[in-house]
């Protein structure tokens, strides 16, 4: 009888563990690493400097990223290629083509960008996560954390039932305005990027003296 009860107890523990594992939402889909997934963005880069002519200069182009086949990354791990195609916003002419890599490893979503290993996401995707995206490269420390977890959002007519924001910077003062964040959609990947590092006047974010801005706006996505 004791043996039977022991077997039942072990079975219940195993069943409970399985249920707990199933209930955990790690959020791997936010990294969008399925081979063939592509995302297109309208990109706007703005350069501000009152001492130059023009004082505010804007560059626009289209960027397409495609998740490619597995490849060994610069750490000797099996990652996926990430093809990046930059097109003229008006003519559609191909301006630049590059290959990065991306991998989910040891609870991190990493991307190697121009030989710089960057931690874009950490798993599971929860409110208490905080990490240095530059922990594996020589760039300055940049702390990131999650915001707006698993929220439904719409970008340029595309609605996603589950998105998450990665916050990098939100600083505002009399003379500085720094705002940096990425938005990821489940099973798609990055769908929005805002990166502002500006010198302003008198708390006025529209009175820009110097700095840069980069904006990624979702244009299209799918599987090739």
C-alpha atoms as a PDB file:
ATOM      1  CA  UNK A   1       0.000   0.000   0.000  1.00  0.00           C
ATOM      2  CA  UNK A   2       2.823   2.377   0.916  1.00  0.00           C
ATOM      3  CA  UNK A   3       4.486   1.605  -2.422  1.00  0.00           C
ATOM      4  CA  UNK A   4       1.284   2.432  -4.322  1.00  0.00           C
ATOM      5  CA  UNK A   5       0.901   5.725  -2.455  1.00  0.00           C
ATOM      6  CA  UNK A   6       4.531   6.612  -3.195  1.00  0.00           C
ATOM      7  CA  UNK A   7       4.015   5.962  -6.910  1.00  0.00           C
ATOM      8  CA  UNK A   8       0.863   8.125  -6.913  1.00  0.00           C
ATOM      9  CA  UNK A   9       2.705  10.932  -5.102  1.00  0.00           C
ATOM     10  CA  UNK A  10       5.571  10.851  -7.594  1.00  0.00           C
ATOM     11  CA  UNK A  11       3.099  10.898 -10.499  1.00  0.00           C
ATOM     12  CA  UNK A  12       1.320  13.935  -9.069  1.00  0.00           C
ATOM     13  CA  UNK A  13       4.613  15.811  -8.595  1.00  0.00           C
ATOM     14  CA  UNK A  14       5.698  15.073 -12.175  1.00  0.00           C
ATOM     15  CA  UNK A  15       2.284  16.122 -13.496  1.00  0.00           C
ATOM     16  CA  UNK A  16       2.442  19.359 -11.486  1.00  0.00           C
ATOM     17  CA  UNK A  17       5.927  20.157 -12.841  1.00  0.00           C
ATOM     18  CA  UNK A  18       4.759  19.618 -16.403  1.00  0.00           C
ATOM     19  CA  UNK A  19       1.798  21.933 -15.857  1.00  0.00           C
ATOM     20  CA  UNK A  20       4.102  24.586 -14.390  1.00  0.00           C
ATOM     21  CA  UNK A  21       6.450  24.324 -17.370  1.00  0.00           C
ATOM     22  CA  UNK A  22       3.546  24.633 -19.792  1.00  0.00           C
ATOM     23  CA  UNK A  23       2.238  27.714 -17.987  1.00  0.00           C
ATOM     24  CA  UNK A  24       5.549  29.583 -18.326  1.00  0.00           C
ATOM     25  CA  UNK A  25       5.570  31.916 -21.327  1.00  0.00           C
ATOM     26  CA  UNK A  26       9.224  32.356 -22.211  1.00  0.00           C
ATOM     27  CA  UNK A  27       8.507  34.658 -25.130  1.00  0.00           C
ATOM     28  CA  UNK A  28      11.033  33.185 -27.571  1.00  0.00           C
ATOM     29  CA  UNK A  29       8.677  34.090 -30.414  1.00  0.00           C
ATOM     30  CA  UNK A  30       9.358  37.786 -29.845  1.00  0.00           C
ATOM     31  CA  UNK A  31      12.826  37.341 -31.328  1.00  0.00           C
ATOM     32  CA  UNK A  32      11.319  36.200 -34.652  1.00  0.00           C
ATOM     33  CA  UNK A  33      13.967  33.631 -35.595  1.00  0.00           C
ATOM     34  CA  UNK A  34      11.887  31.454 -37.915  1.00  0.00           C
ATOM     35  CA  UNK A  35      13.782  30.938 -41.160  1.00  0.00           C
ATOM     36  CA  UNK A  36      12.220  32.878 -44.030  1.00  0.00           C
ATOM     37  CA  UNK A  37      10.552  35.539 -41.865  1.00  0.00           C
ATOM     38  CA  UNK A  38      11.038  38.988 -43.373  1.00  0.00           C
ATOM     39  CA  UNK A  39      10.238  42.449 -42.042  1.00  0.00           C
ATOM     40  CA  UNK A  40      10.328  45.700 -44.008  1.00  0.00           C
ATOM     41  CA  UNK A  41      10.693  49.150 -42.443  1.00  0.00           C
ATOM     42  CA  UNK A  42      10.496  52.750 -43.565  1.00  0.00           C
ATOM     43  CA  UNK A  43      13.563  54.244 -41.905  1.00  0.00           C
ATOM     44  CA  UNK A  44      14.095  57.924 -41.171  1.00  0.00           C
ATOM     45  CA  UNK A  45      17.404  59.272 -39.871  1.00  0.00           C
ATOM     46  CA  UNK A  46      17.567  62.921 -38.808  1.00  0.00           C
ATOM     47  CA  UNK A  47      20.746  64.855 -38.043  1.00  0.00           C
ATOM     48  CA  UNK A  48      20.527  68.130 -36.086  1.00  0.00           C
ATOM     49  CA  UNK A  49      23.234  70.768 -35.701  1.00  0.00           C
ATOM     50  CA  UNK A  50      22.519  74.491 -35.496  1.00  0.00           C
ATOM     51  CA  UNK A  51      26.029  75.298 -36.690  1.00  0.00           C
ATOM     52  CA  UNK A  52      25.562  73.547 -40.037  1.00  0.00           C
ATOM     53  CA  UNK A  53      23.544  74.235 -43.194  1.00  0.00           C
ATOM     54  CA  UNK A  54      21.022  72.719 -43.270  1.00  0.00           C
ATOM     55  CA  UNK A  55      20.651  72.623 -39.501  1.00  0.00           C
ATOM     56  CA  UNK A  56      18.276  69.652 -39.758  1.00  0.00           C
ATOM     57  CA  UNK A  57      18.968  67.005 -42.409  1.00  0.00           C
ATOM     58  CA  UNK A  58      16.796  63.937 -43.040  1.00  0.00           C
ATOM     59  CA  UNK A  59      17.655  60.676 -44.810  1.00  0.00           C
ATOM     60  CA  UNK A  60      14.921  58.197 -45.701  1.00  0.00           C
ATOM     61  CA  UNK A  61      15.297  54.637 -46.951  1.00  0.00           C
ATOM     62  CA  UNK A  62      13.624  51.221 -46.847  1.00  0.00           C
ATOM     63  CA  UNK A  63      15.185  48.396 -44.865  1.00  0.00           C
ATOM     64  CA  UNK A  64      14.328  44.721 -45.308  1.00  0.00           C
ATOM     65  CA  UNK A  65      15.551  41.999 -42.949  1.00  0.00           C
ATOM     66  CA  UNK A  66      15.236  38.273 -43.715  1.00  0.00           C
ATOM     67  CA  UNK A  67      16.027  35.370 -41.375  1.00  0.00           C
ATOM     68  CA  UNK A  68      18.295  33.022 -43.282  1.00  0.00           C
ATOM     69  CA  UNK A  69      19.826  29.584 -42.894  1.00  0.00           C
ATOM     70  CA  UNK A  70      21.834  28.353 -39.889  1.00  0.00           C
ATOM     71  CA  UNK A  71      25.494  29.373 -39.747  1.00  0.00           C
ATOM     72  CA  UNK A  72      28.295  29.243 -37.189  1.00  0.00           C
ATOM     73  CA  UNK A  73      28.624  32.633 -35.501  1.00  0.00           C
ATOM     74  CA  UNK A  74      31.811  34.294 -34.244  1.00  0.00           C
ATOM     75  CA  UNK A  75      31.440  32.422 -30.951  1.00  0.00           C
ATOM     76  CA  UNK A  76      31.370  29.021 -32.675  1.00  0.00           C
ATOM     77  CA  UNK A  77      27.619  28.553 -32.047  1.00  0.00           C
ATOM     78  CA  UNK A  78      24.951  27.637 -34.570  1.00  0.00           C
ATOM     79  CA  UNK A  79      23.001  30.832 -35.218  1.00  0.00           C
ATOM     80  CA  UNK A  80      20.848  32.092 -38.091  1.00  0.00           C
ATOM     81  CA  UNK A  81      21.953  34.486 -40.780  1.00  0.00           C
ATOM     82  CA  UNK A  82      20.087  37.795 -40.845  1.00  0.00           C
ATOM     83  CA  UNK A  83      20.136  39.381 -44.302  1.00  0.00           C
ATOM     84  CA  UNK A  84      19.742  43.173 -44.362  1.00  0.00           C
ATOM     85  CA  UNK A  85      18.862  45.022 -47.565  1.00  0.00           C
ATOM     86  CA  UNK A  86      18.828  48.818 -47.734  1.00  0.00           C
ATOM     87  CA  UNK A  87      16.870  50.426 -50.607  1.00  0.00           C
ATOM     88  CA  UNK A  88      16.438  53.971 -51.855  1.00  0.00           C
ATOM     89  CA  UNK A  89      13.047  55.149 -50.583  1.00  0.00           C
ATOM     90  CA  UNK A  90      12.122  56.694 -53.950  1.00  0.00           C
ATOM     91  CA  UNK A  91      13.749  54.606 -56.682  1.00  0.00           C
ATOM     92  CA  UNK A  92      13.890  51.253 -54.883  1.00  0.00           C
ATOM     93  CA  UNK A  93      17.550  50.872 -55.866  1.00  0.00           C
ATOM     94  CA  UNK A  94      19.553  48.525 -53.644  1.00  0.00           C
ATOM     95  CA  UNK A  95      22.013  50.703 -51.728  1.00  0.00           C
ATOM     96  CA  UNK A  96      23.600  48.250 -49.311  1.00  0.00           C
ATOM     97  CA  UNK A  97      23.476  44.577 -48.370  1.00  0.00           C
ATOM     98  CA  UNK A  98      24.852  43.016 -45.189  1.00  0.00           C
ATOM     99  CA  UNK A  99      24.677  39.779 -43.225  1.00  0.00           C
ATOM    100  CA  UNK A 100      24.369  39.695 -39.446  1.00  0.00           C
ATOM    101  CA  UNK A 101      23.623  36.694 -37.228  1.00  0.00           C
ATOM    102  CA  UNK A 102      21.071  36.040 -34.483  1.00  0.00           C
ATOM    103  CA  UNK A 103      20.711  33.299 -31.899  1.00  0.00           C
ATOM    104  CA  UNK A 104      18.761  32.314 -28.797  1.00  0.00           C
ATOM    105  CA  UNK A 105      21.304  30.901 -26.353  1.00  0.00           C
ATOM    106  CA  UNK A 106      21.397  30.485 -22.562  1.00  0.00           C
ATOM    107  CA  UNK A 107      18.238  32.520 -22.093  1.00  0.00           C
ATOM    108  CA  UNK A 108      19.364  35.403 -24.320  1.00  0.00           C
ATOM    109  CA  UNK A 109      18.297  36.642 -27.737  1.00  0.00           C
ATOM    110  CA  UNK A 110      21.578  37.857 -29.223  1.00  0.00           C
ATOM    111  CA  UNK A 111      22.335  39.609 -32.480  1.00  0.00           C
ATOM    112  CA  UNK A 112      25.830  40.106 -33.886  1.00  0.00           C
ATOM    113  CA  UNK A 113      25.760  43.458 -35.651  1.00  0.00           C
ATOM    114  CA  UNK A 114      28.917  44.521 -37.513  1.00  0.00           C
ATOM    115  CA  UNK A 115      30.859  42.060 -35.313  1.00  0.00           C
ATOM    116  CA  UNK A 116      29.350  43.566 -32.138  1.00  0.00           C
ATOM    117  CA  UNK A 117      27.502  40.975 -30.022  1.00  0.00           C
ATOM    118  CA  UNK A 118      24.373  42.621 -28.583  1.00  0.00           C
ATOM    119  CA  UNK A 119      21.803  41.137 -26.182  1.00  0.00           C
ATOM    120  CA  UNK A 120      18.493  42.300 -27.607  1.00  0.00           C
ATOM    121  CA  UNK A 121      16.158  40.172 -25.430  1.00  0.00           C
ATOM    122  CA  UNK A 122      16.393  37.971 -22.348  1.00  0.00           C
ATOM    123  CA  UNK A 123      14.014  35.145 -21.444  1.00  0.00           C
ATOM    124  CA  UNK A 124      11.554  34.597 -19.945  1.00  0.00           C
ATOM    125  CA  UNK A 125      10.045  37.947 -20.919  1.00  0.00           C
ATOM    126  CA  UNK A 126       8.953  39.347 -17.561  1.00  0.00           C
ATOM    127  CA  UNK A 127       8.709  42.709 -15.803  1.00  0.00           C
ATOM    128  CA  UNK A 128      11.606  42.006 -13.458  1.00  0.00           C
ATOM    129  CA  UNK A 129      14.246  41.516 -16.166  1.00  0.00           C
ATOM    130  CA  UNK A 130      17.071  44.040 -16.516  1.00  0.00           C
ATOM    131  CA  UNK A 131      20.282  43.564 -18.515  1.00  0.00           C
ATOM    132  CA  UNK A 132      23.245  45.269 -20.173  1.00  0.00           C
ATOM    133  CA  UNK A 133      22.831  44.895 -23.936  1.00  0.00           C
ATOM    134  CA  UNK A 134      26.587  45.471 -24.382  1.00  0.00           C
ATOM    135  CA  UNK A 135      27.773  42.896 -21.838  1.00  0.00           C
ATOM    136  CA  UNK A 136      29.626  40.997 -24.597  1.00  0.00           C
ATOM    137  CA  UNK A 137      31.160  43.893 -26.516  1.00  0.00           C
ATOM    138  CA  UNK A 138      33.354  46.929 -25.855  1.00  0.00           C
ATOM    139  CA  UNK A 139      30.597  49.555 -26.119  1.00  0.00           C
ATOM    140  CA  UNK A 140      29.474  51.544 -23.094  1.00  0.00           C
ATOM    141  CA  UNK A 141      27.054  49.855 -20.709  1.00  0.00           C
ATOM    142  CA  UNK A 142      23.434  50.218 -21.801  1.00  0.00           C
ATOM    143  CA  UNK A 143      20.786  48.911 -19.431  1.00  0.00           C
ATOM    144  CA  UNK A 144      17.527  47.599 -20.885  1.00  0.00           C
ATOM    145  CA  UNK A 145      14.273  46.430 -19.344  1.00  0.00           C
ATOM    146  CA  UNK A 146      10.810  45.341 -20.482  1.00  0.00           C
ATOM    147  CA  UNK A 147       7.726  47.525 -20.622  1.00  0.00           C
ATOM    148  CA  UNK A 148       4.157  46.965 -21.895  1.00  0.00           C
ATOM    149  CA  UNK A 149       4.377  43.178 -21.820  1.00  0.00           C
ATOM    150  CA  UNK A 150       2.136  41.079 -24.074  1.00  0.00           C
ATOM    151  CA  UNK A 151       0.026  44.033 -25.224  1.00  0.00           C
ATOM    152  CA  UNK A 152      -2.046  44.166 -28.408  1.00  0.00           C
ATOM    153  CA  UNK A 153      -0.849  47.004 -30.628  1.00  0.00           C
ATOM    154  CA  UNK A 154      -1.296  48.273 -34.169  1.00  0.00           C
ATOM    155  CA  UNK A 155       1.456  49.655 -36.400  1.00  0.00           C
ATOM    156  CA  UNK A 156       0.599  51.147 -39.796  1.00  0.00           C
ATOM    157  CA  UNK A 157      -2.538  49.023 -40.108  1.00  0.00           C
ATOM    158  CA  UNK A 158      -0.936  45.775 -38.864  1.00  0.00           C
ATOM    159  CA  UNK A 159      -2.400  44.535 -35.585  1.00  0.00           C
ATOM    160  CA  UNK A 160      -0.433  42.177 -33.340  1.00  0.00           C
ATOM    161  CA  UNK A 161      -2.090  40.403 -30.425  1.00  0.00           C
ATOM    162  CA  UNK A 162       1.127  40.246 -28.383  1.00  0.00           C
ATOM    163  CA  UNK A 163       3.948  42.799 -28.314  1.00  0.00           C
ATOM    164  CA  UNK A 164       6.611  43.897 -25.845  1.00  0.00           C
ATOM    165  CA  UNK A 165       8.696  47.059 -25.536  1.00  0.00           C
ATOM    166  CA  UNK A 166      12.393  47.010 -24.674  1.00  0.00           C
ATOM    167  CA  UNK A 167      13.285  50.307 -23.012  1.00  0.00           C
ATOM    168  CA  UNK A 168      16.853  51.621 -23.260  1.00  0.00           C
ATOM    169  CA  UNK A 169      16.636  55.301 -22.344  1.00  0.00           C
ATOM    170  CA  UNK A 170      13.999  57.770 -21.162  1.00  0.00           C
ATOM    171  CA  UNK A 171      15.697  60.944 -19.933  1.00  0.00           C
ATOM    172  CA  UNK A 172      14.369  64.483 -20.070  1.00  0.00           C
ATOM    173  CA  UNK A 173      15.914  67.675 -18.678  1.00  0.00           C
ATOM    174  CA  UNK A 174      16.288  71.365 -19.392  1.00  0.00           C
ATOM    175  CA  UNK A 175      18.813  70.722 -22.173  1.00  0.00           C
ATOM    176  CA  UNK A 176      18.690  66.975 -22.932  1.00  0.00           C
ATOM    177  CA  UNK A 177      16.147  64.581 -24.357  1.00  0.00           C
ATOM    178  CA  UNK A 178      17.157  60.942 -24.780  1.00  0.00           C
ATOM    179  CA  UNK A 179      14.456  58.441 -25.771  1.00  0.00           C
ATOM    180  CA  UNK A 180      15.325  54.949 -26.979  1.00  0.00           C
ATOM    181  CA  UNK A 181      13.106  51.872 -27.246  1.00  0.00           C
ATOM    182  CA  UNK A 182      12.303  48.894 -29.497  1.00  0.00           C
ATOM    183  CA  UNK A 183       8.968  47.122 -29.921  1.00  0.00           C
ATOM    184  CA  UNK A 184       8.823  43.397 -30.742  1.00  0.00           C
ATOM    185  CA  UNK A 185       5.825  41.402 -31.977  1.00  0.00           C
ATOM    186  CA  UNK A 186       5.370  37.708 -31.264  1.00  0.00           C
ATOM    187  CA  UNK A 187       6.553  35.459 -34.146  1.00  0.00           C
ATOM    188  CA  UNK A 188       7.660  38.526 -36.142  1.00  0.00           C
ATOM    189  CA  UNK A 189      10.465  40.251 -34.284  1.00  0.00           C
ATOM    190  CA  UNK A 190      11.295  43.950 -34.293  1.00  0.00           C
ATOM    191  CA  UNK A 191       8.398  46.080 -35.573  1.00  0.00           C
ATOM    192  CA  UNK A 192       9.348  49.542 -34.295  1.00  0.00           C
ATOM    193  CA  UNK A 193      12.475  51.424 -33.249  1.00  0.00           C
ATOM    194  CA  UNK A 194      12.809  54.911 -31.781  1.00  0.00           C
ATOM    195  CA  UNK A 195      16.254  56.293 -30.971  1.00  0.00           C
ATOM    196  CA  UNK A 196      16.620  59.974 -30.029  1.00  0.00           C
ATOM    197  CA  UNK A 197      19.690  61.584 -28.499  1.00  0.00           C
ATOM    198  CA  UNK A 198      19.085  65.327 -28.538  1.00  0.00           C
ATOM    199  CA  UNK A 199      20.299  68.590 -27.091  1.00  0.00           C
ATOM    200  CA  UNK A 200      17.291  70.884 -26.636  1.00  0.00           C
ATOM    201  CA  UNK A 201      16.485  74.329 -25.193  1.00  0.00           C
ATOM    202  CA  UNK A 202      14.291  75.121 -22.190  1.00  0.00           C
ATOM    203  CA  UNK A 203      12.584  71.721 -21.887  1.00  0.00           C
ATOM    204  CA  UNK A 204      11.269  72.097 -25.461  1.00  0.00           C
ATOM    205  CA  UNK A 205      11.712  68.791 -27.322  1.00  0.00           C
ATOM    206  CA  UNK A 206      10.897  70.549 -30.611  1.00  0.00           C
ATOM    207  CA  UNK A 207      13.580  73.201 -30.123  1.00  0.00           C
ATOM    208  CA  UNK A 208      16.481  70.934 -31.053  1.00  0.00           C
ATOM    209  CA  UNK A 209      20.012  72.320 -31.019  1.00  0.00           C
ATOM    210  CA  UNK A 210      21.999  69.205 -31.833  1.00  0.00           C
ATOM    211  CA  UNK A 211      21.690  65.419 -31.965  1.00  0.00           C
ATOM    212  CA  UNK A 212      20.438  62.448 -33.946  1.00  0.00           C
ATOM    213  CA  UNK A 213      17.205  60.516 -34.404  1.00  0.00           C
ATOM    214  CA  UNK A 214      16.484  57.132 -35.957  1.00  0.00           C
ATOM    215  CA  UNK A 215      12.945  55.840 -36.532  1.00  0.00           C
ATOM    216  CA  UNK A 216      11.954  52.388 -37.850  1.00  0.00           C
ATOM    217  CA  UNK A 217       8.314  52.266 -38.990  1.00  0.00           C
ATOM    218  CA  UNK A 218       6.815  48.900 -39.985  1.00  0.00           C
ATOM    219  CA  UNK A 219       6.088  48.678 -43.698  1.00  0.00           C
ATOM    220  CA  UNK A 220       5.386  44.966 -44.279  1.00  0.00           C
ATOM    221  CA  UNK A 221       6.193  41.508 -42.947  1.00  0.00           C
ATOM    222  CA  UNK A 222       5.652  37.836 -43.797  1.00  0.00           C
ATOM    223  CA  UNK A 223       7.420  34.612 -44.758  1.00  0.00           C
ATOM    224  CA  UNK A 224       9.313  34.123 -47.998  1.00  0.00           C
END
